[in-house]
Amino acid sequence: MTLLLDTHIWVWVLMTPERIGRRVTKALAAPSNELWLSPISIWEILILCRKGRLELDPDPGSWITAALAKVPCKEAPVTHDVSLEMEGVTLSRRDPADWLLAATARAYGLTLVTADGNLIRGTGYSVLANR
C-alpha cells in the first residue's frame, strides 16, 4: 500500500506516537508499504510554528530536516495534475491544505492517512482513518 501522511500524522509519529492507533501503526511499520509526504505538510508545519501553535526544537527548519531523515518518505509534489484532481474531491470544509492533500492522494493513487474528520468523511480518494 502507498500511504500519504497527513501533516498531523507525520508530526504525531515523530513527537507523540501514542496518538497513532494500532491499525495505522501496523500499516506505517509494514515494510511493503511506502510512505509519502506532500510539501503541503511542510508548509502547514511552518505556518503552525509562525502562529505559535507548534514549537519545534531547535528550530522548524532543522526539525523538519531531521524528521525527513528519521522517517523517510517519498515526496508527493504538488503539480498541475494534482491541482486538477481537486475537481474530483468532495470535502465539507474549505481548508486549502485539506483539498490539496486529498487531491494529491487522488492524483498519485495514494491512501491518505488521517485523523481529520473532514478528510475521513470526504470523497474521491482513499483514506486510512486513525481512530
C-alpha atoms as a PDB file:
ATOM      1  CA  MET A   1       0.000   0.000   0.000  1.00  0.00           C
ATOM      2  CA  THR A   2       1.187   3.543  -0.703  1.00  0.00           C
ATOM      3  CA  LEU A   3       0.352   5.908   2.149  1.00  0.00           C
ATOM      4  CA  LEU A   4       0.226   9.703   2.074  1.00  0.00           C
ATOM      5  CA  LEU A   5       0.698  11.004   5.610  1.00  0.00           C
ATOM      6  CA  ASP A   6      -1.493  13.898   6.669  1.00  0.00           C
ATOM      7  CA  THR A   7       0.526  16.607   8.373  1.00  0.00           C
ATOM      8  CA  HIS A   8      -0.603  15.783  11.901  1.00  0.00           C
ATOM      9  CA  ILE A   9       0.025  12.060  11.398  1.00  0.00           C
ATOM     10  CA  TRP A  10       3.625  12.743  10.397  1.00  0.00           C
ATOM     11  CA  VAL A  11       4.140  15.030  13.403  1.00  0.00           C
ATOM     12  CA  TRP A  12       2.454  12.563  15.774  1.00  0.00           C
ATOM     13  CA  VAL A  13       4.630   9.684  14.526  1.00  0.00           C
ATOM     14  CA  LEU A  14       7.680  11.732  15.470  1.00  0.00           C
ATOM     15  CA  MET A  15       6.518  13.555  18.599  1.00  0.00           C
ATOM     16  CA  THR A  16       3.561  11.685  20.147  1.00  0.00           C
ATOM     17  CA  PRO A  17       3.421   8.179  18.654  1.00  0.00           C
ATOM     18  CA  GLU A  18       0.906   7.114  21.310  1.00  0.00           C
ATOM     19  CA  ARG A  19      -1.693   9.086  19.332  1.00  0.00           C
ATOM     20  CA  ILE A  20      -1.339   6.683  16.413  1.00  0.00           C
ATOM     21  CA  GLY A  21      -3.836   3.810  16.529  1.00  0.00           C
ATOM     22  CA  ARG A  22      -2.886   0.152  16.234  1.00  0.00           C
ATOM     23  CA  ARG A  23      -4.136  -0.294  12.675  1.00  0.00           C
ATOM     24  CA  VAL A  24      -2.256   2.789  11.410  1.00  0.00           C
ATOM     25  CA  THR A  25       0.890   1.887  13.394  1.00  0.00           C
ATOM     26  CA  LYS A  26       0.863  -1.542  11.752  1.00  0.00           C
ATOM     27  CA  ALA A  27       0.375  -0.022   8.277  1.00  0.00           C
ATOM     28  CA  LEU A  28       3.158   2.525   8.795  1.00  0.00           C
ATOM     29  CA  ALA A  29       5.569  -0.169  10.008  1.00  0.00           C
ATOM     30  CA  ALA A  30       4.849  -2.688   7.241  1.00  0.00           C
ATOM     31  CA  PRO A  31       7.968  -2.941   5.048  1.00  0.00           C
ATOM     32  CA  SER A  32       5.789  -3.469   1.965  1.00  0.00           C
ATOM     33  CA  ASN A  33       4.095  -0.077   2.398  1.00  0.00           C
ATOM     34  CA  GLU A  34       5.568   3.127   1.007  1.00  0.00           C
ATOM     35  CA  LEU A  35       5.245   6.357   2.971  1.00  0.00           C
ATOM     36  CA  TRP A  36       4.692   9.597   1.075  1.00  0.00           C
ATOM     37  CA  LEU A  37       4.658  13.201   2.259  1.00  0.00           C
ATOM     38  CA  SER A  38       3.466  16.313   0.455  1.00  0.00           C
ATOM     39  CA  PRO A  39       5.331  19.629   0.552  1.00  0.00           C
ATOM     40  CA  ILE A  40       1.949  20.984   1.694  1.00  0.00           C
ATOM     41  CA  SER A  41       2.654  19.321   5.058  1.00  0.00           C
ATOM     42  CA  ILE A  42       5.963  21.157   5.395  1.00  0.00           C
ATOM     43  CA  TRP A  43       4.153  24.409   4.547  1.00  0.00           C
ATOM     44  CA  GLU A  44       1.457  23.661   7.151  1.00  0.00           C
ATOM     45  CA  ILE A  45       4.068  22.942   9.835  1.00  0.00           C
ATOM     46  CA  LEU A  46       5.897  26.194   9.122  1.00  0.00           C
ATOM     47  CA  ILE A  47       2.624  28.136   9.334  1.00  0.00           C
ATOM     48  CA  LEU A  48       1.734  26.471  12.657  1.00  0.00           C
ATOM     49  CA  CYS A  49       5.169  27.399  14.017  1.00  0.00           C
ATOM     50  CA  ARG A  50       4.812  31.023  12.901  1.00  0.00           C
ATOM     51  CA  LYS A  51       1.395  31.223  14.577  1.00  0.00           C
ATOM     52  CA  GLY A  52       2.866  29.799  17.797  1.00  0.00           C
ATOM     53  CA  ARG A  53       0.622  26.698  17.654  1.00  0.00           C
ATOM     54  CA  LEU A  54       3.580  24.322  17.264  1.00  0.00           C
ATOM     55  CA  GLU A  55       7.067  24.593  18.706  1.00  0.00           C
ATOM     56  CA  LEU A  56       9.908  22.596  17.185  1.00  0.00           C
ATOM     57  CA  ASP A  57      13.440  22.375  18.570  1.00  0.00           C
ATOM     58  CA  PRO A  58      15.948  23.661  17.796  1.00  0.00           C
ATOM     59  CA  ASP A  59      14.037  25.461  15.004  1.00  0.00           C
ATOM     60  CA  PRO A  60      11.432  24.403  12.436  1.00  0.00           C
ATOM     61  CA  GLY A  61      13.860  24.024   9.524  1.00  0.00           C
ATOM     62  CA  SER A  62      16.304  21.858  11.460  1.00  0.00           C
ATOM     63  CA  TRP A  63      13.496  19.770  12.959  1.00  0.00           C
ATOM     64  CA  ILE A  64      11.942  19.148   9.538  1.00  0.00           C
ATOM     65  CA  THR A  65      15.296  18.155   8.030  1.00  0.00           C
ATOM     66  CA  ALA A  66      15.956  15.712  10.888  1.00  0.00           C
ATOM     67  CA  ALA A  67      12.376  14.374  10.721  1.00  0.00           C
ATOM     68  CA  LEU A  68      12.663  13.677   6.990  1.00  0.00           C
ATOM     69  CA  ALA A  69      15.834  11.671   7.693  1.00  0.00           C
ATOM     70  CA  LYS A  70      14.248   9.790  10.611  1.00  0.00           C
ATOM     71  CA  VAL A  71      11.025   8.843   8.797  1.00  0.00           C
ATOM     72  CA  PRO A  72      11.981   8.699   5.136  1.00  0.00           C
ATOM     73  CA  CYS A  73       9.071   9.468   2.838  1.00  0.00           C
ATOM     74  CA  LYS A  74       8.757   9.806  -0.892  1.00  0.00           C
ATOM     75  CA  GLU A  75       7.846  13.324  -1.949  1.00  0.00           C
ATOM     76  CA  ALA A  76       4.408  13.816  -3.488  1.00  0.00           C
ATOM     77  CA  PRO A  77       4.933  17.026  -5.452  1.00  0.00           C
ATOM     78  CA  VAL A  78       2.121  19.491  -5.994  1.00  0.00           C
ATOM     79  CA  THR A  79       1.730  19.584  -9.761  1.00  0.00           C
ATOM     80  CA  HIS A  80      -0.779  20.826 -12.292  1.00  0.00           C
ATOM     81  CA  ASP A  81      -2.279  17.333 -12.326  1.00  0.00           C
ATOM     82  CA  VAL A  82      -2.696  17.420  -8.539  1.00  0.00           C
ATOM     83  CA  SER A  83      -4.486  20.755  -8.785  1.00  0.00           C
ATOM     84  CA  LEU A  84      -6.800  19.421 -11.479  1.00  0.00           C
ATOM     85  CA  GLU A  85      -7.669  16.404  -9.304  1.00  0.00           C
ATOM     86  CA  MET A  86      -9.295  18.810  -6.831  1.00  0.00           C
ATOM     87  CA  GLU A  87     -12.315  18.659  -9.174  1.00  0.00           C
ATOM     88  CA  GLY A  88     -12.862  15.029  -8.166  1.00  0.00           C
ATOM     89  CA  VAL A  89     -12.654  15.672  -4.404  1.00  0.00           C
ATOM     90  CA  THR A  90     -15.586  16.489  -2.140  1.00  0.00           C
ATOM     91  CA  LEU A  91     -14.949  17.975   1.322  1.00  0.00           C
ATOM     92  CA  SER A  92     -17.245  19.763   3.744  1.00  0.00           C
ATOM     93  CA  ARG A  93     -14.668  22.373   4.859  1.00  0.00           C
ATOM     94  CA  ARG A  94     -12.789  24.770   2.647  1.00  0.00           C
ATOM     95  CA  ASP A  95      -9.305  24.236   4.119  1.00  0.00           C
ATOM     96  CA  PRO A  96      -6.959  24.590   1.111  1.00  0.00           C
ATOM     97  CA  ALA A  97      -4.381  22.233   2.628  1.00  0.00           C
ATOM     98  CA  ASP A  98      -7.026  19.504   3.039  1.00  0.00           C
ATOM     99  CA  TRP A  99      -8.116  19.944  -0.578  1.00  0.00           C
ATOM    100  CA  LEU A 100      -4.549  19.723  -1.836  1.00  0.00           C
ATOM    101  CA  LEU A 101      -3.725  16.665   0.293  1.00  0.00           C
ATOM    102  CA  ALA A 102      -6.880  14.870  -0.868  1.00  0.00           C
ATOM    103  CA  ALA A 103      -6.155  15.796  -4.495  1.00  0.00           C
ATOM    104  CA  THR A 104      -2.564  14.593  -4.059  1.00  0.00           C
ATOM    105  CA  ALA A 105      -3.809  11.226  -2.795  1.00  0.00           C
ATOM    106  CA  ARG A 106      -6.158  11.024  -5.768  1.00  0.00           C
ATOM    107  CA  ALA A 107      -3.545  12.070  -8.348  1.00  0.00           C
ATOM    108  CA  TYR A 108      -0.893   9.600  -7.183  1.00  0.00           C
ATOM    109  CA  GLY A 109      -3.250   6.767  -6.214  1.00  0.00           C
ATOM    110  CA  LEU A 110      -2.232   7.028  -2.551  1.00  0.00           C
ATOM    111  CA  THR A 111      -4.193   6.253   0.602  1.00  0.00           C
ATOM    112  CA  LEU A 112      -4.386   9.330   2.832  1.00  0.00           C
ATOM    113  CA  VAL A 113      -3.636   8.511   6.481  1.00  0.00           C
ATOM    114  CA  THR A 114      -5.504  10.984   8.692  1.00  0.00           C
ATOM    115  CA  ALA A 115      -7.436  11.563  11.895  1.00  0.00           C
ATOM    116  CA  ASP A 116      -9.117  14.666  10.427  1.00  0.00           C
ATOM    117  CA  GLY A 117     -12.884  14.128  10.307  1.00  0.00           C
ATOM    118  CA  ASN A 118     -13.236  16.423   7.304  1.00  0.00           C
ATOM    119  CA  LEU A 119     -10.842  14.249   5.306  1.00  0.00           C
ATOM    120  CA  ILE A 120     -12.258  10.973   6.639  1.00  0.00           C
ATOM    121  CA  ARG A 121     -15.756  11.996   5.502  1.00  0.00           C
ATOM    122  CA  GLY A 122     -14.550  13.334   2.141  1.00  0.00           C
ATOM    123  CA  THR A 123     -14.992  11.504  -1.134  1.00  0.00           C
ATOM    124  CA  GLY A 124     -12.975  10.942  -4.286  1.00  0.00           C
ATOM    125  CA  TYR A 125      -9.847   9.466  -2.681  1.00  0.00           C
ATOM    126  CA  SER A 126      -8.803   6.591  -0.437  1.00  0.00           C
ATOM    127  CA  VAL A 127      -8.436   7.069   3.356  1.00  0.00           C
ATOM    128  CA  LEU A 128      -6.940   5.095   6.219  1.00  0.00           C
ATOM    129  CA  ALA A 129      -8.521   6.619   9.327  1.00  0.00           C
ATOM    130  CA  ASN A 130      -6.504   6.895  12.522  1.00  0.00           C
ATOM    131  CA  ARG A 131      -9.153   6.075  15.124  1.00  0.00           C
END
